């Protein structure tokens, strides 16, 4: 389950970076970043 969360987080961070530099869509980009951070935090919390 941890690896799935990390893959999901990496995909969301990459999507966020592409959105910020290429499209500047607005709120959706920030939602992607928040979801990626939450996924990383869940992975760290579950590991301990």
PDB file of N, CA and C in Angstrom:
ATOM      1  N   UNK A   1       0.826  -1.204   0.000  1.00  0.00           N
ATOM      2  CA  UNK A   1       0.000   0.000   0.000  1.00  0.00           C
ATOM      3  C   UNK A   1       0.863   1.258   0.000  1.00  0.00           C
ATOM      4  N   UNK A   2       2.003   1.202   0.686  1.00  0.00           N
ATOM      5  CA  UNK A   2       2.870   2.382   0.731  1.00  0.00           C
ATOM      6  C   UNK A   2       3.363   2.770  -0.643  1.00  0.00           C
ATOM      7  N   UNK A   3       3.774   1.789  -1.442  1.00  0.00           N
ATOM      8  CA  UNK A   3       4.324   2.108  -2.754  1.00  0.00           C
ATOM      9  C   UNK A   3       3.266   2.754  -3.651  1.00  0.00           C
ATOM     10  N   UNK A   4       2.023   2.338  -3.499  1.00  0.00           N
ATOM     11  CA  UNK A   4       0.947   2.946  -4.285  1.00  0.00           C
ATOM     12  C   UNK A   4       0.788   4.418  -3.913  1.00  0.00           C
ATOM     13  N   UNK A   5       0.870   4.719  -2.616  1.00  0.00           N
ATOM     14  CA  UNK A   5       0.756   6.108  -2.178  1.00  0.00           C
ATOM     15  C   UNK A   5       1.905   6.955  -2.717  1.00  0.00           C
ATOM     16  N   UNK A   6       3.122   6.394  -2.708  1.00  0.00           N
ATOM     17  CA  UNK A   6       4.266   7.143  -3.213  1.00  0.00           C
ATOM     18  C   UNK A   6       4.150   7.383  -4.718  1.00  0.00           C
ATOM     19  N   UNK A   7       3.717   6.380  -5.455  1.00  0.00           N
ATOM     20  CA  UNK A   7       3.537   6.547  -6.900  1.00  0.00           C
ATOM     21  C   UNK A   7       2.470   7.606  -7.159  1.00  0.00           C
ATOM     22  N   UNK A   8       1.381   7.537  -6.418  1.00  0.00           N
ATOM     23  CA  UNK A   8       0.304   8.520  -6.561  1.00  0.00           C
ATOM     24  C   UNK A   8       0.821   9.922  -6.251  1.00  0.00           C
ATOM     25  N   UNK A   9       1.589  10.060  -5.186  1.00  0.00           N
ATOM     26  CA  UNK A   9       2.125  11.365  -4.804  1.00  0.00           C
ATOM     27  C   UNK A   9       3.073  11.908  -5.875  1.00  0.00           C
ATOM     28  N   UNK A  10       3.932  11.060  -6.400  1.00  0.00           N
ATOM     29  CA  UNK A  10       4.878  11.503  -7.436  1.00  0.00           C
ATOM     30  C   UNK A  10       4.135  11.939  -8.687  1.00  0.00           C
ATOM     31  N   UNK A  11       3.123  11.183  -9.087  1.00  0.00           N
ATOM     32  CA  UNK A  11       2.338  11.554 -10.269  1.00  0.00           C
ATOM     33  C   UNK A  11       1.647  12.896 -10.056  1.00  0.00           C
ATOM     34  N   UNK A  12       1.096  13.097  -8.866  1.00  0.00           N
ATOM     35  CA  UNK A  12       0.423  14.364  -8.594  1.00  0.00           C
ATOM     36  C   UNK A  12       1.397  15.540  -8.561  1.00  0.00           C
ATOM     37  N   UNK A  13       2.579  15.330  -8.003  1.00  0.00           N
ATOM     38  CA  UNK A  13       3.577  16.404  -7.972  1.00  0.00           C
ATOM     39  C   UNK A  13       4.030  16.754  -9.384  1.00  0.00           C
ATOM     40  N   UNK A  14       4.250  15.740 -10.211  1.00  0.00           N
ATOM     41  CA  UNK A  14       4.637  15.993 -11.607  1.00  0.00           C
ATOM     42  C   UNK A  14       3.523  16.743 -12.333  1.00  0.00           C
ATOM     43  N   UNK A  15       2.279  16.309 -12.112  1.00  0.00           N
ATOM     44  CA  UNK A  15       1.144  17.014 -12.722  1.00  0.00           C
ATOM     45  C   UNK A  15       1.052  18.451 -12.260  1.00  0.00           C
ATOM     46  N   UNK A  16       1.337  18.668 -10.979  1.00  0.00           N
ATOM     47  CA  UNK A  16       1.312  20.031 -10.438  1.00  0.00           C
ATOM     48  C   UNK A  16       2.381  20.882 -11.093  1.00  0.00           C
ATOM     49  N   UNK A  17       3.587  20.347 -11.213  1.00  0.00           N
ATOM     50  CA  UNK A  17       4.682  21.102 -11.833  1.00  0.00           C
ATOM     51  C   UNK A  17       4.378  21.427 -13.289  1.00  0.00           C
ATOM     52  N   UNK A  18       3.849  20.460 -14.012  1.00  0.00           N
ATOM     53  CA  UNK A  18       3.488  20.713 -15.417  1.00  0.00           C
ATOM     54  C   UNK A  18       2.408  21.788 -15.495  1.00  0.00           C
ATOM     55  N   UNK A  19       1.426  21.693 -14.615  1.00  0.00           N
ATOM     56  CA  UNK A  19       0.340  22.673 -14.620  1.00  0.00           C
ATOM     57  C   UNK A  19       0.806  24.071 -14.280  1.00  0.00           C
ATOM     58  N   UNK A  20       1.702  24.178 -13.318  1.00  0.00           N
ATOM     59  CA  UNK A  20       2.189  25.505 -12.914  1.00  0.00           C
ATOM     60  C   UNK A  20       2.977  26.151 -14.042  1.00  0.00           C
ATOM     61  N   UNK A  21       3.847  25.376 -14.682  1.00  0.00           N
ATOM     62  CA  UNK A  21       4.722  25.968 -15.692  1.00  0.00           C
ATOM     63  C   UNK A  21       4.094  26.039 -17.077  1.00  0.00           C
ATOM     64  N   UNK A  22       3.145  25.172 -17.374  1.00  0.00           N
ATOM     65  CA  UNK A  22       2.625  25.130 -18.738  1.00  0.00           C
ATOM     66  C   UNK A  22       1.230  25.740 -18.875  1.00  0.00           C
ATOM     67  N   UNK A  23       0.325  25.434 -17.978  1.00  0.00           N
ATOM     68  CA  UNK A  23      -1.069  25.778 -18.222  1.00  0.00           C
ATOM     69  C   UNK A  23      -1.614  26.860 -17.307  1.00  0.00           C
ATOM     70  N   UNK A  24      -1.143  26.904 -16.077  1.00  0.00           N
ATOM     71  CA  UNK A  24      -1.619  27.883 -15.106  1.00  0.00           C
ATOM     72  C   UNK A  24      -3.143  27.831 -14.984  1.00  0.00           C
ATOM     73  N   UNK A  25      -3.663  26.645 -14.654  1.00  0.00           N
ATOM     74  CA  UNK A  25      -5.099  26.398 -14.605  1.00  0.00           C
ATOM     75  C   UNK A  25      -5.756  27.050 -13.395  1.00  0.00           C
ATOM     76  N   UNK A  26      -5.012  27.232 -12.335  1.00  0.00           N
ATOM     77  CA  UNK A  26      -5.588  27.895 -11.164  1.00  0.00           C
ATOM     78  C   UNK A  26      -5.743  26.946 -10.002  1.00  0.00           C
ATOM     79  N   UNK A  27      -6.951  26.860  -9.454  1.00  0.00           N
ATOM     80  CA  UNK A  27      -7.213  26.104  -8.244  1.00  0.00           C
ATOM     81  C   UNK A  27      -6.971  24.616  -8.348  1.00  0.00           C
ATOM     82  N   UNK A  28      -7.181  24.039  -9.529  1.00  0.00           N
ATOM     83  CA  UNK A  28      -7.010  22.595  -9.696  1.00  0.00           C
ATOM     84  C   UNK A  28      -5.558  22.201  -9.438  1.00  0.00           C
ATOM     85  N   UNK A  29      -4.625  23.030  -9.828  1.00  0.00           N
ATOM     86  CA  UNK A  29      -3.210  22.729  -9.642  1.00  0.00           C
ATOM     87  C   UNK A  29      -2.881  22.665  -8.158  1.00  0.00           C
ATOM     88  N   UNK A  30      -3.429  23.562  -7.391  1.00  0.00           N
ATOM     89  CA  UNK A  30      -3.162  23.572  -5.955  1.00  0.00           C
ATOM     90  C   UNK A  30      -3.821  22.383  -5.257  1.00  0.00           C
ATOM     91  N   UNK A  31      -4.959  21.948  -5.753  1.00  0.00           N
ATOM     92  CA  UNK A  31      -5.596  20.748  -5.204  1.00  0.00           C
ATOM     93  C   UNK A  31      -4.712  19.529  -5.446  1.00  0.00           C
ATOM     94  N   UNK A  32      -4.079  19.441  -6.635  1.00  0.00           N
ATOM     95  CA  UNK A  32      -3.159  18.348  -6.915  1.00  0.00           C
ATOM     96  C   UNK A  32      -1.988  18.352  -5.940  1.00  0.00           C
ATOM     97  N   UNK A  33      -1.452  19.532  -5.653  1.00  0.00           N
ATOM     98  CA  UNK A  33      -0.336  19.633  -4.719  1.00  0.00           C
ATOM     99  C   UNK A  33      -0.755  19.199  -3.322  1.00  0.00           C
ATOM    100  N   UNK A  34      -1.907  19.629  -2.884  1.00  0.00           N
ATOM    101  CA  UNK A  34      -2.393  19.254  -1.552  1.00  0.00           C
ATOM    102  C   UNK A  34      -2.598  17.742  -1.470  1.00  0.00           C
ATOM    103  N   UNK A  35      -3.174  17.126  -2.499  1.00  0.00           N
ATOM    104  CA  UNK A  35      -3.361  15.677  -2.507  1.00  0.00           C
ATOM    105  C   UNK A  35      -2.021  14.936  -2.472  1.00  0.00           C
ATOM    106  N   UNK A  36      -1.033  15.454  -3.181  1.00  0.00           N
ATOM    107  CA  UNK A  36       0.282  14.821  -3.168  1.00  0.00           C
ATOM    108  C   UNK A  36       0.918  14.900  -1.788  1.00  0.00           C
ATOM    109  N   UNK A  37       0.816  16.041  -1.136  1.00  0.00           N
ATOM    110  CA  UNK A  37       1.386  16.199   0.198  1.00  0.00           C
ATOM    111  C   UNK A  37       0.675  15.283   1.191  1.00  0.00           C
ATOM    112  N   UNK A  38      -0.633  15.195   1.091  1.00  0.00           N
ATOM    113  CA  UNK A  38      -1.389  14.306   1.985  1.00  0.00           C
ATOM    114  C   UNK A  38      -0.967  12.852   1.766  1.00  0.00           C
ATOM    115  N   UNK A  39      -0.774  12.452   0.523  1.00  0.00           N
ATOM    116  CA  UNK A  39      -0.346  11.081   0.239  1.00  0.00           C
ATOM    117  C   UNK A  39       1.028  10.796   0.833  1.00  0.00           C
ATOM    118  N   UNK A  40       1.936  11.745   0.695  1.00  0.00           N
ATOM    119  CA  UNK A  40       3.268  11.558   1.280  1.00  0.00           C
ATOM    120  C   UNK A  40       3.200  11.469   2.791  1.00  0.00           C
ATOM    121  N   UNK A  41       2.413  12.329   3.410  1.00  0.00           N
ATOM    122  CA  UNK A  41       2.284  12.303   4.867  1.00  0.00           C
ATOM    123  C   UNK A  41       1.668  10.995   5.346  1.00  0.00           C
ATOM    124  N   UNK A  42       0.655  10.511   4.646  1.00  0.00           N
ATOM    125  CA  UNK A  42       0.053   9.227   5.013  1.00  0.00           C
ATOM    126  C   UNK A  42       1.061   8.090   4.903  1.00  0.00           C
ATOM    127  N   UNK A  43       1.895   8.128   3.868  1.00  0.00           N
ATOM    128  CA  UNK A  43       2.918   7.108   3.729  1.00  0.00           C
ATOM    129  C   UNK A  43       3.933   7.151   4.844  1.00  0.00           C
ATOM    130  N   UNK A  44       4.315   8.349   5.265  1.00  0.00           N
ATOM    131  CA  UNK A  44       5.283   8.490   6.359  1.00  0.00           C
ATOM    132  C   UNK A  44       4.651   8.048   7.676  1.00  0.00           C
ATOM    133  N   UNK A  45       3.426   8.431   7.911  1.00  0.00           N
ATOM    134  CA  UNK A  45       2.753   8.078   9.166  1.00  0.00           C
ATOM    135  C   UNK A  45       2.551   6.568   9.257  1.00  0.00           C
ATOM    136  N   UNK A  46       2.167   5.937   8.180  1.00  0.00           N
ATOM    137  CA  UNK A  46       1.908   4.496   8.189  1.00  0.00           C
ATOM    138  C   UNK A  46       3.188   3.682   8.299  1.00  0.00           C
ATOM    139  N   UNK A  47       4.313   4.255   7.882  1.00  0.00           N
ATOM    140  CA  UNK A  47       5.586   3.537   7.967  1.00  0.00           C
ATOM    141  C   UNK A  47       6.046   3.401   9.410  1.00  0.00           C
ATOM    142  N   UNK A  48       5.765   4.382  10.239  1.00  0.00           N
ATOM    143  CA  UNK A  48       6.233   4.357  11.629  1.00  0.00           C
ATOM    144  C   UNK A  48       5.346   3.527  12.520  1.00  0.00           C
TER     145      UNK A  48
END
